[in-house]
Amino acid sequence: MMREAKERTWKDFEEKLKSNFQGNKKIFYGVIRNKMKPKEMLTKVVDVSGEIKWEEKEVLKTWKEYFKELLEGTENEEERRDMTEETEDEEDFSMCELEKAVKEMKEGKSAGIDELTAEMIKAAGPLGMQWLYRVMRVIWKEKKIPEDWKMGIIV
């Protein structure tokens, strides 16, 4: 639905360009200049029922529903229980595993809600790694991720 609308828009634009170039070059170059301007943010979205939403509140609501569904996943309670039983048998992770995971973190990514970047964590040094290890072990044993860590910033 959105693709068809986009294709129609481009066809109309193409026709307008052709007619303006032959008739009035000033309009033609004005259209070209307009297309070269920085792009605006996405203002339209298609919801799950296939309707196009363009009002800001509706667009935000649609994105919220999409990411909520994406993050909750589709697994059922039984699958989660099976995964929990498997992980209960696992041992604690080691400092070496944490250091390896930190080393493999991609750099140049945006900071999260905690405003920490991979570069900052990597530069924390031995004392910072010990602190991070203690925090991660508590989370590992309690099997509960802090609520702040579940939030993401969409850039």
N, C-alpha and C. Protein backbone atom coordinates (compact mmCIF):
# COMPACT_ATOMS: atom_id res chain seq x y z
N MET A 1 0.83 -1.18 0.00
CA MET A 1 0.00 0.00 0.00
C MET A 1 0.89 1.26 0.00
N MET A 2 1.86 1.29 0.91
CA MET A 2 2.76 2.43 0.99
C MET A 2 3.65 2.50 -0.25
N ARG A 3 4.09 1.33 -0.71
CA ARG A 3 4.95 1.28 -1.90
C ARG A 3 4.22 1.84 -3.12
N GLU A 4 2.95 1.47 -3.27
CA GLU A 4 2.16 1.96 -4.41
C GLU A 4 2.01 3.47 -4.36
N ALA A 5 1.76 4.00 -3.17
CA ALA A 5 1.62 5.45 -3.01
C ALA A 5 2.93 6.15 -3.35
N LYS A 6 4.04 5.56 -2.93
CA LYS A 6 5.35 6.12 -3.22
C LYS A 6 5.62 6.12 -4.72
N GLU A 7 5.30 5.00 -5.38
CA GLU A 7 5.52 4.90 -6.82
C GLU A 7 4.68 5.93 -7.59
N ARG A 8 3.43 6.11 -7.15
CA ARG A 8 2.57 7.11 -7.79
C ARG A 8 3.15 8.51 -7.62
N THR A 9 3.64 8.79 -6.43
CA THR A 9 4.23 10.10 -6.15
C THR A 9 5.44 10.34 -7.05
N TRP A 10 6.29 9.33 -7.20
CA TRP A 10 7.48 9.48 -8.05
C TRP A 10 7.09 9.65 -9.52
N LYS A 11 6.06 8.93 -9.96
CA LYS A 11 5.59 9.08 -11.35
C LYS A 11 5.09 10.51 -11.59
N ASP A 12 4.30 11.03 -10.63
CA ASP A 12 3.80 12.40 -10.74
C ASP A 12 4.96 13.39 -10.77
N PHE A 13 5.94 13.15 -9.92
CA PHE A 13 7.12 14.01 -9.86
C PHE A 13 7.88 13.99 -11.19
N GLU A 14 8.01 12.80 -11.75
CA GLU A 14 8.70 12.65 -13.04
C GLU A 14 7.97 13.43 -14.14
N GLU A 15 6.65 13.31 -14.18
CA GLU A 15 5.86 14.02 -15.18
C GLU A 15 5.99 15.54 -15.00
N LYS A 16 5.95 15.96 -13.75
CA LYS A 16 6.07 17.39 -13.45
C LYS A 16 7.43 17.92 -13.91
N LEU A 17 8.48 17.13 -13.67
CA LEU A 17 9.82 17.53 -14.08
C LEU A 17 9.92 17.66 -15.60
N LYS A 18 9.38 16.66 -16.30
CA LYS A 18 9.45 16.68 -17.77
C LYS A 18 8.72 17.90 -18.34
N SER A 19 7.51 18.14 -17.85
CA SER A 19 6.73 19.26 -18.39
C SER A 19 7.33 20.61 -18.02
N ASN A 20 7.86 20.73 -16.80
CA ASN A 20 8.45 22.00 -16.38
C ASN A 20 9.76 22.29 -17.10
N PHE A 21 10.52 21.26 -17.40
CA PHE A 21 11.80 21.48 -18.09
C PHE A 21 11.56 22.03 -19.49
N GLN A 22 10.56 21.46 -20.15
CA GLN A 22 10.28 21.90 -21.52
C GLN A 22 9.58 23.26 -21.53
N GLY A 23 8.77 23.55 -20.52
CA GLY A 23 8.00 24.79 -20.51
C GLY A 23 8.69 25.93 -19.77
N ASN A 24 9.10 25.68 -18.54
CA ASN A 24 9.66 26.75 -17.72
C ASN A 24 10.84 26.21 -16.92
N LYS A 25 12.04 26.53 -17.36
CA LYS A 25 13.25 26.00 -16.72
C LYS A 25 13.42 26.51 -15.30
N LYS A 26 12.87 27.68 -15.00
CA LYS A 26 12.98 28.24 -13.64
C LYS A 26 12.25 27.33 -12.65
N ILE A 27 11.06 26.88 -13.02
CA ILE A 27 10.30 25.96 -12.16
C ILE A 27 11.03 24.63 -12.04
N PHE A 28 11.58 24.15 -13.16
CA PHE A 28 12.32 22.89 -13.17
C PHE A 28 13.46 22.92 -12.15
N TYR A 29 14.29 23.96 -12.21
CA TYR A 29 15.42 24.04 -11.29
C TYR A 29 14.97 24.30 -9.85
N GLY A 30 13.82 24.96 -9.68
CA GLY A 30 13.26 25.14 -8.34
C GLY A 30 12.87 23.80 -7.72
N VAL A 31 12.28 22.94 -8.53
CA VAL A 31 11.90 21.60 -8.06
C VAL A 31 13.15 20.80 -7.69
N ILE A 32 14.18 20.88 -8.53
CA ILE A 32 15.43 20.16 -8.26
C ILE A 32 16.05 20.67 -6.95
N ARG A 33 16.09 22.00 -6.76
CA ARG A 33 16.64 22.57 -5.53
C ARG A 33 15.85 22.08 -4.32
N ASN A 34 14.54 22.03 -4.45
CA ASN A 34 13.67 21.58 -3.36
C ASN A 34 13.98 20.13 -2.99
N LYS A 35 14.23 19.28 -3.98
CA LYS A 35 14.54 17.87 -3.72
C LYS A 35 15.92 17.69 -3.09
N MET A 36 16.80 18.66 -3.29
CA MET A 36 18.16 18.57 -2.75
C MET A 36 18.23 19.00 -1.29
N LYS A 37 17.16 19.60 -0.77
CA LYS A 37 17.15 20.05 0.63
C LYS A 37 17.22 18.83 1.55
N PRO A 38 17.69 19.04 2.81
CA PRO A 38 17.72 17.92 3.76
C PRO A 38 16.33 17.32 3.94
N LYS A 39 16.30 16.02 4.12
CA LYS A 39 15.04 15.30 4.23
C LYS A 39 14.39 15.54 5.60
N GLU A 40 13.08 15.58 5.59
CA GLU A 40 12.33 15.71 6.83
C GLU A 40 12.23 14.35 7.50
N MET A 41 11.87 14.38 8.78
CA MET A 41 11.68 13.13 9.51
C MET A 41 10.47 12.39 8.97
N LEU A 42 10.44 11.08 9.18
CA LEU A 42 9.33 10.25 8.76
C LEU A 42 8.05 10.72 9.46
N THR A 43 7.03 11.00 8.69
CA THR A 43 5.80 11.51 9.28
C THR A 43 4.61 10.58 9.06
N LYS A 44 4.80 9.54 8.27
CA LYS A 44 3.71 8.60 8.01
C LYS A 44 4.17 7.19 8.32
N VAL A 45 3.21 6.36 8.74
CA VAL A 45 3.52 4.97 9.04
C VAL A 45 2.26 4.14 8.79
N VAL A 46 2.46 2.88 8.43
CA VAL A 46 1.35 1.96 8.21
C VAL A 46 1.20 1.09 9.45
N ASP A 47 -0.01 1.06 10.04
CA ASP A 47 -0.22 0.26 11.25
C ASP A 47 -0.51 -1.20 10.89
N VAL A 48 -0.74 -2.04 11.91
CA VAL A 48 -0.93 -3.47 11.69
C VAL A 48 -2.17 -3.78 10.85
N SER A 49 -3.16 -2.90 10.87
CA SER A 49 -4.36 -3.14 10.07
C SER A 49 -4.21 -2.65 8.63
N GLY A 50 -3.04 -2.06 8.32
CA GLY A 50 -2.78 -1.62 6.95
C GLY A 50 -3.17 -0.18 6.68
N GLU A 51 -3.63 0.53 7.71
CA GLU A 51 -4.01 1.93 7.53
C GLU A 51 -2.79 2.84 7.65
N ILE A 52 -2.77 3.90 6.84
CA ILE A 52 -1.68 4.87 6.91
C ILE A 52 -2.02 5.90 7.97
N LYS A 53 -1.11 6.08 8.92
CA LYS A 53 -1.28 7.06 9.99
C LYS A 53 -0.33 8.22 9.75
N TRP A 54 -0.81 9.45 9.91
CA TRP A 54 0.08 10.60 9.69
C TRP A 54 0.03 11.61 10.83
N GLU A 55 -0.98 11.53 11.69
CA GLU A 55 -1.02 12.43 12.84
C GLU A 55 0.04 11.98 13.84
N GLU A 56 0.72 12.95 14.44
CA GLU A 56 1.87 12.65 15.30
C GLU A 56 1.54 11.65 16.40
N LYS A 57 0.41 11.84 17.08
CA LYS A 57 0.04 10.93 18.17
C LYS A 57 -0.18 9.51 17.66
N GLU A 58 -0.85 9.39 16.52
CA GLU A 58 -1.11 8.07 15.94
C GLU A 58 0.18 7.39 15.49
N VAL A 59 1.09 8.17 14.90
CA VAL A 59 2.37 7.63 14.45
C VAL A 59 3.16 7.11 15.65
N LEU A 60 3.24 7.93 16.71
CA LEU A 60 3.97 7.52 17.92
C LEU A 60 3.34 6.29 18.56
N LYS A 61 2.00 6.24 18.58
CA LYS A 61 1.30 5.08 19.15
C LYS A 61 1.61 3.82 18.34
N THR A 62 1.62 3.95 17.01
CA THR A 62 1.91 2.80 16.14
C THR A 62 3.33 2.29 16.38
N TRP A 63 4.30 3.22 16.47
CA TRP A 63 5.69 2.80 16.74
C TRP A 63 5.81 2.16 18.11
N LYS A 64 5.10 2.72 19.10
CA LYS A 64 5.14 2.16 20.46
C LYS A 64 4.63 0.72 20.45
N GLU A 65 3.50 0.49 19.79
CA GLU A 65 2.94 -0.86 19.70
C GLU A 65 3.89 -1.81 18.98
N TYR A 66 4.50 -1.32 17.91
CA TYR A 66 5.44 -2.16 17.14
C TYR A 66 6.62 -2.60 18.01
N PHE A 67 7.24 -1.65 18.70
CA PHE A 67 8.41 -2.00 19.50
C PHE A 67 8.02 -2.83 20.73
N LYS A 68 6.85 -2.59 21.29
CA LYS A 68 6.40 -3.39 22.42
C LYS A 68 6.24 -4.85 22.00
N GLU A 69 5.60 -5.05 20.86
CA GLU A 69 5.42 -6.41 20.33
C GLU A 69 6.77 -7.05 20.00
N LEU A 70 7.65 -6.26 19.42
CA LEU A 70 8.98 -6.74 19.05
C LEU A 70 9.77 -7.17 20.28
N LEU A 71 9.71 -6.38 21.34
CA LEU A 71 10.49 -6.67 22.54
C LEU A 71 9.89 -7.79 23.38
N GLU A 72 8.56 -7.91 23.38
CA GLU A 72 7.93 -8.96 24.16
C GLU A 72 8.13 -10.32 23.52
N GLY A 73 8.27 -10.35 22.23
CA GLY A 73 8.48 -11.62 21.53
C GLY A 73 7.21 -12.42 21.42
N THR A 74 7.34 -13.58 20.80
CA THR A 74 6.17 -14.42 20.57
C THR A 74 6.26 -15.75 21.32
N GLU A 75 7.32 -15.91 22.11
CA GLU A 75 7.46 -17.19 22.81
C GLU A 75 6.40 -17.30 23.90
N ASN A 76 5.98 -18.52 24.18
CA ASN A 76 4.96 -18.71 25.19
C ASN A 76 5.61 -19.02 26.55
N GLU A 77 4.77 -19.13 27.57
CA GLU A 77 5.25 -19.33 28.94
C GLU A 77 6.05 -20.63 29.09
N GLU A 78 5.62 -21.69 28.40
CA GLU A 78 6.31 -22.98 28.49
C GLU A 78 7.74 -22.88 27.95
N GLU A 79 7.90 -22.19 26.83
CA GLU A 79 9.24 -22.01 26.26
C GLU A 79 10.13 -21.24 27.22
N ARG A 80 9.57 -20.21 27.88
CA ARG A 80 10.35 -19.43 28.85
C ARG A 80 10.76 -20.29 30.03
N ARG A 81 9.85 -21.16 30.51
CA ARG A 81 10.16 -22.03 31.64
C ARG A 81 11.30 -22.99 31.28
N ASP A 82 11.24 -23.56 30.05
CA ASP A 82 12.29 -24.46 29.60
C ASP A 82 13.64 -23.74 29.57
N MET A 83 13.64 -22.52 29.09
CA MET A 83 14.88 -21.75 29.03
C MET A 83 15.40 -21.45 30.44
N THR A 84 14.49 -21.15 31.37
CA THR A 84 14.88 -20.85 32.75
C THR A 84 15.49 -22.08 33.40
N GLU A 85 14.89 -23.25 33.18
CA GLU A 85 15.42 -24.49 33.75
C GLU A 85 16.81 -24.77 33.23
N GLU A 86 17.04 -24.52 31.94
CA GLU A 86 18.36 -24.74 31.36
C GLU A 86 19.40 -23.81 31.96
N THR A 87 19.04 -22.55 32.18
CA THR A 87 20.01 -21.58 32.69
C THR A 87 20.26 -21.75 34.18
N GLU A 88 19.33 -22.35 34.92
CA GLU A 88 19.55 -22.55 36.35
C GLU A 88 20.72 -23.48 36.60
N ASP A 89 20.96 -24.41 35.69
CA ASP A 89 22.06 -25.35 35.85
C ASP A 89 23.41 -24.72 35.51
N GLU A 90 23.39 -23.59 34.81
CA GLU A 90 24.63 -22.96 34.40
C GLU A 90 25.34 -22.32 35.58
N GLU A 91 26.66 -22.28 35.51
CA GLU A 91 27.46 -21.68 36.56
C GLU A 91 27.55 -20.17 36.34
N ASP A 92 28.14 -19.49 37.34
CA ASP A 92 28.44 -18.07 37.19
C ASP A 92 29.39 -17.89 36.03
N PHE A 93 29.42 -16.70 35.49
CA PHE A 93 30.39 -16.39 34.44
C PHE A 93 31.66 -15.86 35.10
N SER A 94 32.73 -15.93 34.38
CA SER A 94 34.01 -15.51 34.95
C SER A 94 34.35 -14.08 34.53
N MET A 95 35.34 -13.53 35.20
CA MET A 95 35.84 -12.19 34.87
C MET A 95 36.39 -12.20 33.44
N CYS A 96 37.02 -13.30 33.04
CA CYS A 96 37.55 -13.42 31.67
C CYS A 96 36.44 -13.31 30.63
N GLU A 97 35.30 -13.96 30.91
CA GLU A 97 34.16 -13.89 29.98
C GLU A 97 33.63 -12.47 29.87
N LEU A 98 33.57 -11.76 31.01
CA LEU A 98 33.10 -10.38 31.00
C LEU A 98 34.07 -9.51 30.21
N GLU A 99 35.36 -9.67 30.46
CA GLU A 99 36.38 -8.88 29.75
C GLU A 99 36.31 -9.13 28.24
N LYS A 100 36.09 -10.40 27.87
CA LYS A 100 35.97 -10.74 26.45
C LYS A 100 34.74 -10.06 25.84
N ALA A 101 33.62 -10.10 26.56
CA ALA A 101 32.38 -9.48 26.07
C ALA A 101 32.55 -7.97 25.91
N VAL A 102 33.21 -7.34 26.88
CA VAL A 102 33.44 -5.90 26.80
C VAL A 102 34.35 -5.57 25.63
N LYS A 103 35.38 -6.38 25.43
CA LYS A 103 36.32 -6.16 24.34
C LYS A 103 35.61 -6.27 22.98
N GLU A 104 34.60 -7.14 22.88
CA GLU A 104 33.89 -7.36 21.62
C GLU A 104 32.77 -6.34 21.36
N MET A 105 32.53 -5.45 22.34
CA MET A 105 31.48 -4.43 22.15
C MET A 105 31.84 -3.52 20.99
N LYS A 106 30.85 -3.23 20.15
CA LYS A 106 31.08 -2.35 19.00
C LYS A 106 31.21 -0.91 19.47
N GLU A 107 32.18 -0.22 18.92
CA GLU A 107 32.38 1.19 19.26
C GLU A 107 31.64 2.08 18.27
N GLY A 108 31.46 3.33 18.65
CA GLY A 108 30.81 4.28 17.76
C GLY A 108 29.29 4.23 17.81
N LYS A 109 28.74 3.49 18.76
CA LYS A 109 27.28 3.40 18.88
C LYS A 109 26.78 4.47 19.84
N SER A 110 25.52 4.83 19.72
CA SER A 110 24.92 5.83 20.60
C SER A 110 24.83 5.29 22.02
N ALA A 111 24.89 6.20 22.98
CA ALA A 111 24.75 5.82 24.38
C ALA A 111 23.29 5.47 24.66
N GLY A 112 23.08 4.65 25.65
CA GLY A 112 21.73 4.30 26.06
C GLY A 112 21.19 5.32 27.03
N ILE A 113 20.14 4.95 27.74
CA ILE A 113 19.51 5.87 28.69
C ILE A 113 20.45 6.20 29.85
N ASP A 114 21.42 5.31 30.11
CA ASP A 114 22.41 5.55 31.17
C ASP A 114 23.55 6.46 30.72
N GLU A 115 23.54 6.84 29.44
CA GLU A 115 24.54 7.72 28.83
C GLU A 115 25.95 7.13 28.83
N LEU A 116 26.06 5.81 28.91
CA LEU A 116 27.36 5.14 28.84
C LEU A 116 27.58 4.60 27.43
N THR A 117 28.75 4.83 26.90
CA THR A 117 29.09 4.29 25.59
C THR A 117 30.04 3.11 25.77
N ALA A 118 30.21 2.34 24.72
CA ALA A 118 31.13 1.20 24.77
C ALA A 118 32.54 1.69 25.05
N GLU A 119 32.90 2.83 24.48
CA GLU A 119 34.23 3.38 24.70
C GLU A 119 34.47 3.69 26.18
N MET A 120 33.45 4.21 26.86
CA MET A 120 33.58 4.53 28.28
C MET A 120 33.77 3.26 29.11
N ILE A 121 33.01 2.23 28.78
CA ILE A 121 33.11 0.97 29.53
C ILE A 121 34.48 0.35 29.30
N LYS A 122 34.95 0.39 28.05
CA LYS A 122 36.27 -0.18 27.74
C LYS A 122 37.39 0.58 28.43
N ALA A 123 37.19 1.88 28.66
CA ALA A 123 38.23 2.70 29.28
C ALA A 123 38.15 2.70 30.80
N ALA A 124 37.23 1.93 31.37
CA ALA A 124 37.02 1.93 32.82
C ALA A 124 38.21 1.38 33.60
N GLY A 125 39.03 0.59 32.98
CA GLY A 125 40.21 0.05 33.65
C GLY A 125 39.87 -1.10 34.58
N PRO A 126 40.87 -1.62 35.29
CA PRO A 126 40.66 -2.79 36.16
C PRO A 126 39.64 -2.55 37.27
N LEU A 127 39.68 -1.36 37.87
CA LEU A 127 38.75 -1.06 38.96
C LEU A 127 37.31 -1.01 38.44
N GLY A 128 37.12 -0.39 37.29
CA GLY A 128 35.80 -0.33 36.67
C GLY A 128 35.30 -1.71 36.28
N MET A 129 36.20 -2.55 35.78
CA MET A 129 35.81 -3.91 35.40
C MET A 129 35.40 -4.72 36.62
N GLN A 130 36.09 -4.54 37.75
CA GLN A 130 35.71 -5.25 38.98
C GLN A 130 34.32 -4.82 39.44
N TRP A 131 34.06 -3.51 39.37
CA TRP A 131 32.75 -3.00 39.75
C TRP A 131 31.67 -3.58 38.83
N LEU A 132 31.92 -3.54 37.53
CA LEU A 132 30.97 -4.06 36.55
C LEU A 132 30.74 -5.56 36.77
N TYR A 133 31.80 -6.29 37.10
CA TYR A 133 31.69 -7.73 37.36
C TYR A 133 30.77 -7.99 38.56
N ARG A 134 30.94 -7.21 39.63
CA ARG A 134 30.08 -7.39 40.82
C ARG A 134 28.62 -7.09 40.48
N VAL A 135 28.39 -6.01 39.74
CA VAL A 135 27.02 -5.66 39.35
C VAL A 135 26.41 -6.77 38.50
N MET A 136 27.15 -7.25 37.52
CA MET A 136 26.65 -8.28 36.62
C MET A 136 26.39 -9.60 37.35
N ARG A 137 27.20 -9.93 38.34
CA ARG A 137 26.97 -11.17 39.10
C ARG A 137 25.68 -11.09 39.91
N VAL A 138 25.41 -9.93 40.50
CA VAL A 138 24.15 -9.76 41.24
C VAL A 138 22.97 -9.96 40.29
N ILE A 139 23.04 -9.34 39.13
CA ILE A 139 21.97 -9.47 38.13
C ILE A 139 21.84 -10.93 37.69
N TRP A 140 22.96 -11.60 37.48
CA TRP A 140 22.97 -13.00 37.04
C TRP A 140 22.31 -13.89 38.08
N LYS A 141 22.65 -13.69 39.36
CA LYS A 141 22.11 -14.55 40.42
C LYS A 141 20.63 -14.28 40.67
N GLU A 142 20.24 -13.01 40.64
CA GLU A 142 18.84 -12.67 40.89
C GLU A 142 17.96 -12.91 39.67
N LYS A 143 18.60 -13.08 38.50
CA LYS A 143 17.87 -13.29 37.24
C LYS A 143 16.86 -12.18 36.98
N LYS A 144 17.26 -10.96 37.30
CA LYS A 144 16.39 -9.80 37.10
C LYS A 144 17.21 -8.64 36.54
N ILE A 145 16.81 -8.19 35.36
CA ILE A 145 17.49 -7.07 34.71
C ILE A 145 16.87 -5.77 35.20
N PRO A 146 17.68 -4.77 35.55
CA PRO A 146 17.14 -3.48 35.98
C PRO A 146 16.22 -2.87 34.92
N GLU A 147 15.14 -2.23 35.37
CA GLU A 147 14.15 -1.66 34.45
C GLU A 147 14.78 -0.65 33.49
N ASP A 148 15.73 0.16 33.98
CA ASP A 148 16.39 1.14 33.11
C ASP A 148 17.07 0.48 31.92
N TRP A 149 17.58 -0.72 32.12
CA TRP A 149 18.31 -1.42 31.06
C TRP A 149 17.38 -1.94 29.99
N LYS A 150 16.11 -2.02 30.29
CA LYS A 150 15.13 -2.51 29.32
C LYS A 150 14.66 -1.41 28.38
N MET A 151 15.00 -0.16 28.71
CA MET A 151 14.59 0.97 27.87
C MET A 151 15.61 1.19 26.77
N GLY A 152 15.15 1.66 25.66
CA GLY A 152 16.04 1.97 24.55
C GLY A 152 15.68 3.32 23.97
N ILE A 153 16.66 3.96 23.40
CA ILE A 153 16.44 5.25 22.75
C ILE A 153 16.52 5.01 21.26
N ILE A 154 15.46 5.31 20.56
CA ILE A 154 15.43 5.14 19.11
C ILE A 154 15.99 6.41 18.48
N VAL A 155 17.08 6.25 17.74
CA VAL A 155 17.74 7.42 17.13
C VAL A 155 17.40 7.48 15.67
